[in-house]
Protein backbone atom coordinates (compact mmCIF):
# COMPACT_ATOMS: atom_id res chain seq x y z
CA MET A 1 -0.04 0.01 -0.04
CA THR A 2 2.78 2.25 0.85
CA GLU A 3 4.03 2.68 -2.89
CA TRP A 4 2.02 5.75 -3.30
CA LEU A 5 4.36 7.35 -0.74
CA SER A 6 7.40 7.20 -3.28
CA GLY A 7 9.04 10.46 -3.55
CA ILE A 8 8.13 11.32 -0.01
CA ASP A 9 10.97 11.17 2.86
CA ARG A 10 8.95 8.88 5.15
CA ARG A 11 11.13 10.35 8.13
CA ASP A 12 9.10 13.61 7.51
CA VAL A 13 5.56 11.76 7.75
CA VAL A 14 3.85 12.47 11.30
CA ARG A 15 0.61 10.48 10.47
CA ILE A 16 -1.66 9.25 7.85
CA GLU A 17 -5.40 9.55 8.20
CA ILE A 18 -8.27 7.97 5.99
CA VAL A 19 -10.39 10.82 4.76
CA ARG A 20 -12.96 9.32 2.47
CA VAL A 21 -13.16 5.86 0.71
CA THR A 22 -15.23 4.55 -2.21
CA LEU A 23 -17.02 1.07 -1.70
CA GLU A 24 -18.20 -1.41 -4.24
CA GLY A 25 -19.50 -4.90 -4.30
CA THR A 26 -21.02 -7.34 -1.95
CA PRO A 27 -19.29 -7.69 0.52
CA SER A 28 -18.27 -3.97 0.26
CA ALA A 29 -14.68 -3.41 -0.68
CA VAL A 30 -12.48 -0.18 -0.83
CA THR A 31 -11.95 0.50 -4.48
CA HIS A 32 -10.54 4.12 -3.87
CA ALA A 33 -9.08 5.66 -0.67
CA TRP A 34 -8.32 9.52 -0.09
CA LEU A 35 -5.60 9.50 2.39
CA ARG A 36 -4.27 12.82 4.23
CA VAL A 37 -0.60 12.80 4.80
CA VAL A 38 0.74 15.10 7.68
CA MET A 39 4.27 16.24 7.46
CA ARG A 40 6.66 17.16 10.26
CA ASN A 41 6.57 20.84 9.09
CA GLY A 42 2.85 21.11 9.44
CA ASP A 43 2.01 20.68 5.64
CA SER A 44 -0.59 18.15 4.81
CA GLY A 45 -2.13 17.03 1.60
CA VAL A 46 -4.71 14.47 0.48
CA VAL A 47 -3.42 11.46 -1.81
CA GLY A 48 -5.88 9.34 -3.71
CA VAL A 49 -5.11 5.52 -3.69
CA PRO A 50 -6.75 3.33 -6.12
CA PHE A 51 -7.33 -0.39 -5.12
CA PRO A 52 -8.37 -1.98 -8.53
CA HIS A 53 -9.10 -5.34 -7.02
CA GLY A 54 -10.79 -3.85 -3.72
CA VAL A 55 -9.69 -4.38 0.09
CA MET A 56 -11.61 -4.79 2.86
CA TYR A 57 -11.96 -1.50 5.17
CA GLU A 58 -10.61 -3.26 7.84
CA VAL A 59 -7.45 -4.16 6.06
CA LEU A 60 -7.06 -0.55 4.84
CA GLU A 61 -7.62 0.53 8.66
CA ASP A 62 -4.78 -2.07 9.70
CA ALA A 63 -2.32 -0.96 6.73
CA VAL A 64 -2.70 2.82 7.73
CA ARG A 65 -2.40 2.00 11.49
CA ASP A 66 0.73 -0.02 10.79
CA ALA A 67 2.21 2.76 8.70
CA ASN A 68 1.45 5.26 11.55
CA ARG A 69 3.37 2.95 14.08
CA GLY A 70 6.52 3.32 11.85
CA TYR A 71 6.10 7.11 11.33
CA LEU A 72 5.07 8.27 14.83
CA ARG A 73 8.07 8.98 17.02
């Protein structure tokens, strides 16, 4: 999931937040997520991340939580 962070120095990332998701199918799966990336200098931006094959929302939550554990100091 973190390939969309390429080009960003991960040491500068303070946290990642789920802003919005698009759900499709039965059971519902996330096909696109918008994530806010908050940087150490206070800047933030929203990045759109596609999931062409869909992922369960809980999997996305776990991935963001795991990424935050690595970034938070």
